[in-house]
C-alpha atoms as a PDB file:
ATOM      1  CA  MET A   1      85.923  29.480  72.596  1.00  0.00           C
ATOM      2  CA  ASN A   2      87.602  29.529  69.222  1.00  0.00           C
ATOM      3  CA  THR A   3      89.148  32.756  67.965  1.00  0.00           C
ATOM      4  CA  PRO A   4      86.384  35.110  66.743  1.00  0.00           C
ATOM      5  CA  ASN A   5      85.969  35.178  62.959  1.00  0.00           C
ATOM      6  CA  ALA A   6      82.831  37.341  62.693  1.00  0.00           C
ATOM      7  CA  PHE A   7      80.735  39.998  64.415  1.00  0.00           C
ATOM      8  CA  ALA A   8      77.023  39.429  65.019  1.00  0.00           C
ATOM      9  CA  ASP A   9      74.025  41.673  65.643  1.00  0.00           C
ATOM     10  CA  LEU A  10      71.446  40.132  67.982  1.00  0.00           C
ATOM     11  CA  PHE A  11      67.711  40.728  67.495  1.00  0.00           C
ATOM     12  CA  HIS A  12      65.257  39.443  70.102  1.00  0.00           C
ATOM     13  CA  THR A  13      62.076  40.907  68.594  1.00  0.00           C
ATOM     14  CA  ALA A  14      63.212  43.552  66.090  1.00  0.00           C
ATOM     15  CA  VAL A  15      62.584  43.450  62.353  1.00  0.00           C
ATOM     16  CA  LEU A  16      65.831  42.501  60.666  1.00  0.00           C
ATOM     17  CA  GLY A  17      67.418  45.050  58.410  1.00  0.00           C
ATOM     18  CA  SER A  18      65.306  47.977  59.558  1.00  0.00           C
ATOM     19  CA  ASP A  19      65.455  48.259  63.359  1.00  0.00           C
ATOM     20  CA  GLU A  20      68.419  48.649  65.631  1.00  0.00           C
ATOM     21  CA  PRO A  21      69.689  45.366  67.053  1.00  0.00           C
ATOM     22  CA  ASP A  22      69.258  44.614  70.741  1.00  0.00           C
ATOM     23  CA  VAL A  23      73.025  44.026  70.914  1.00  0.00           C
ATOM     24  CA  ALA A  24      75.435  44.999  68.109  1.00  0.00           C
ATOM     25  CA  ASN A  25      78.917  43.897  67.029  1.00  0.00           C
ATOM     26  CA  ILE A  26      79.307  40.832  69.229  1.00  0.00           C
ATOM     27  CA  PRO A  27      82.591  39.005  68.556  1.00  0.00           C
ATOM     28  CA  CYS A  28      81.836  35.377  67.726  1.00  0.00           C
ATOM     29  CA  HIS A  29      83.053  32.300  65.907  1.00  0.00           C
ATOM     30  CA  ILE A  30      80.745  30.732  63.323  1.00  0.00           C
ATOM     31  CA  SER A  31      81.308  27.513  61.441  1.00  0.00           C
ATOM     32  CA  GLY A  32      79.250  25.332  59.166  1.00  0.00           C
ATOM     33  CA  SER A  33      77.800  22.165  60.589  1.00  0.00           C
ATOM     34  CA  PHE A  34      79.719  19.248  59.187  1.00  0.00           C
ATOM     35  CA  MET A  35      77.209  16.860  60.713  1.00  0.00           C
ATOM     36  CA  ARG A  36      74.643  17.178  57.941  1.00  0.00           C
ATOM     37  CA  GLY A  37      71.406  15.694  59.030  1.00  0.00           C
ATOM     38  CA  ALA A  38      72.081  16.359  62.704  1.00  0.00           C
ATOM     39  CA  GLN A  39      68.778  17.199  64.306  1.00  0.00           C
ATOM     40  CA  LEU A  40      67.566  18.644  67.532  1.00  0.00           C
ATOM     41  CA  ASP A  41      64.807  16.807  69.329  1.00  0.00           C
ATOM     42  CA  TYR A  42      61.998  18.792  67.718  1.00  0.00           C
ATOM     43  CA  GLY A  43      62.998  17.890  64.184  1.00  0.00           C
ATOM     44  CA  ARG A  44      64.643  21.011  62.758  1.00  0.00           C
ATOM     45  CA  GLN A  45      68.082  20.618  61.292  1.00  0.00           C
ATOM     46  CA  PHE A  46      70.806  23.101  62.077  1.00  0.00           C
ATOM     47  CA  ASN A  47      73.403  24.138  59.530  1.00  0.00           C
ATOM     48  CA  ALA A  48      75.750  26.373  61.535  1.00  0.00           C
ATOM     49  CA  VAL A  49      77.301  26.466  64.989  1.00  0.00           C
ATOM     50  CA  LEU A  50      78.112  29.752  66.717  1.00  0.00           C
ATOM     51  CA  GLU A  51      80.360  30.332  69.723  1.00  0.00           C
ATOM     52  CA  MET A  52      79.924  33.568  71.664  1.00  0.00           C
ATOM     53  CA  PRO A  53      81.214  34.965  74.974  1.00  0.00           C
ATOM     54  CA  LEU A  54      78.840  35.131  77.935  1.00  0.00           C
ATOM     55  CA  GLY A  55      77.000  38.330  78.787  1.00  0.00           C
ATOM     56  CA  PHE A  56      75.321  39.331  75.523  1.00  0.00           C
ATOM     57  CA  GLY A  57      71.873  37.860  76.174  1.00  0.00           C
ATOM     58  CA  LEU A  58      71.941  35.146  73.532  1.00  0.00           C
ATOM     59  CA  ARG A  59      69.041  32.748  74.072  1.00  0.00           C
ATOM     60  CA  ASP A  60      66.842  30.425  72.107  1.00  0.00           C
ATOM     61  CA  ALA A  61      63.084  30.794  71.714  1.00  0.00           C
ATOM     62  CA  TYR A  62      62.174  27.960  74.070  1.00  0.00           C
ATOM     63  CA  ASN A  63      58.956  28.744  75.963  1.00  0.00           C
ATOM     64  CA  LEU A  64      58.772  32.278  74.576  1.00  0.00           C
ATOM     65  CA  GLY A  65      57.564  31.746  71.025  1.00  0.00           C
ATOM     66  CA  GLU A  66      59.607  34.702  69.778  1.00  0.00           C
ATOM     67  CA  PRO A  67      62.296  33.621  67.331  1.00  0.00           C
ATOM     68  CA  VAL A  68      65.717  34.999  68.142  1.00  0.00           C
ATOM     69  CA  LYS A  69      67.698  36.137  65.087  1.00  0.00           C
ATOM     70  CA  LEU A  70      71.339  36.858  64.437  1.00  0.00           C
ATOM     71  CA  GLN A  71      72.606  38.941  61.564  1.00  0.00           C
ATOM     72  CA  LEU A  72      76.182  38.256  60.536  1.00  0.00           C
ATOM     73  CA  GLY A  73      77.627  40.752  58.137  1.00  0.00           C
ATOM     74  CA  PRO A  74      75.390  42.815  55.910  1.00  0.00           C
ATOM     75  CA  ASP A  75      73.158  40.028  54.587  1.00  0.00           C
ATOM     76  CA  GLU A  76      73.296  36.689  56.434  1.00  0.00           C
ATOM     77  CA  ILE A  77      70.400  35.967  58.801  1.00  0.00           C
ATOM     78  CA  TYR A  78      70.206  32.998  61.159  1.00  0.00           C
ATOM     79  CA  ALA A  79      67.542  31.764  63.574  1.00  0.00           C
ATOM     80  CA  VAL A  80      68.754  30.448  66.925  1.00  0.00           C
ATOM     81  CA  LEU A  81      67.428  26.948  67.550  1.00  0.00           C
ATOM     82  CA  PHE A  82      69.228  25.925  70.710  1.00  0.00           C
ATOM     83  CA  VAL A  83      71.829  27.431  73.063  1.00  0.00           C
ATOM     84  CA  GLU A  84      74.098  25.565  75.461  1.00  0.00           C
ATOM     85  CA  ARG A  85      76.809  26.743  77.827  1.00  0.00           C
ATOM     86  CA  ASP A  86      80.259  25.193  77.546  1.00  0.00           C
ATOM     87  CA  ARG A  87      82.039  25.344  80.880  1.00  0.00           C
ATOM     88  CA  LYS A  88      84.386  22.387  80.845  1.00  0.00           C
ATOM     89  CA  LEU A  89      87.251  24.670  81.856  1.00  0.00           C
ATOM     90  CA  ALA A  90      87.112  28.145  83.335  1.00  0.00           C
ATOM     91  CA  SER A  91      88.996  29.457  80.319  1.00  0.00           C
ATOM     92  CA  ARG A  92      86.389  27.932  77.972  1.00  0.00           C
ATOM     93  CA  ASN A  93      83.252  29.362  79.563  1.00  0.00           C
ATOM     94  CA  PHE A  94      81.135  30.480  76.588  1.00  0.00           C
ATOM     95  CA  LEU A  95      77.839  29.895  74.774  1.00  0.00           C
ATOM     96  CA  ARG A  96      77.400  27.587  71.797  1.00  0.00           C
ATOM     97  CA  ALA A  97      74.327  28.114  69.611  1.00  0.00           C
ATOM     98  CA  TYR A  98      72.933  25.906  66.876  1.00  0.00           C
ATOM     99  CA  LEU A  99      71.590  27.972  63.987  1.00  0.00           C
ATOM    100  CA  VAL A 100      69.498  27.669  60.845  1.00  0.00           C
ATOM    101  CA  LYS A 101      70.185  30.033  57.968  1.00  0.00           C
ATOM    102  CA  GLU A 102      66.897  31.795  57.356  1.00  0.00           C
ATOM    103  CA  SER A 103      67.588  34.006  54.367  1.00  0.00           C
ATOM    104  CA  SER A 104      69.688  36.758  52.959  1.00  0.00           C
ATOM    105  CA  LEU A 105      68.628  40.379  52.836  1.00  0.00           C
ATOM    106  CA  PRO A 106      68.052  41.771  49.342  1.00  0.00           C
ATOM    107  CA  GLN A 107      70.932  43.849  48.031  1.00  0.00           C
END
């Protein structure tokens, strides 16, 4: 995993901005997707990639129908499209999530 550059709040079913997150202040590394136009198999494009340590319950909404949201900082909200586990080396055992920026909270 790359060196953390942000802290995320994870919401499985909560209303963003008003409820307590399911997990708060998760160290993570987020970067923009430089592969513009990259698509997952169901047609949605992702515009950010997040790396996060194991053990925080990050998942995608596959088979559940409930969108999983991440809030980074006070106003950036992302939907989790797809999560994969990177375990090429024991020292690099982490989750990688592909995200879509949903909106920003009003200030």
